[in-house]
Amino acid sequence: MGFFSFAGRVLFASVFLLSAYLEFNEFGVDGGPAAKAFTPKFNQFKDHVMTFSGFPVPEVEVKHIIAASIALKGVGGLLFILSSSFGAYLLLLQLLVVTPIMCDFYNFDKDKQESIQLLVKFTQNLALVGALLYFLAMKNLIPKRQPKKKGGFKAKAQ
């Protein structure tokens, strides 16, 4: 059972690690293609937040958001392989922040192909969130191992 658990964690984390590796290699000075794809969606997200909440969104450079996302995926993926709850929380944080911004199917007409593709990516990310929540719940349900008592039978005093 231990091997299958480890193999499952490695396969699950490979999604995040491969993504972080590819984004890191393409990062460059300006954040690379990830920043180019993220910038218009982030600006639209900021406009929605300011319109509906009335609160201004602080100015943040997109390349810093992309760098933080790469770090969360890389560190979180490695810690998740080691069965760390902290790694699962890092991956969960990355998904919860990036998914509503990048998978903005709600900004498109539902009949357009782009909307359908974004909805598929959104549901895939929801499945990843669900798997991480399941991992965290199971991790908290399993009792910590109790240390074995040393020694054998005690002789009765007479």
Foldseek 3Di string as FASTA:
>chain_A
DVVVVLVVLLVLLCVLLVVLVVQVVQCPDQSGPVLVLQVVLVVVVQVVCCVVVVDHDDDDRSSVVSVLLSVLSNVLSVVSSVVDLVSLVSVLVSLVVVLCRNLVLVVDDCPDPSSVVSVVVSVVSVVSNVVSVVSNVVVVVDDDDDDDDDDDDDDDDD
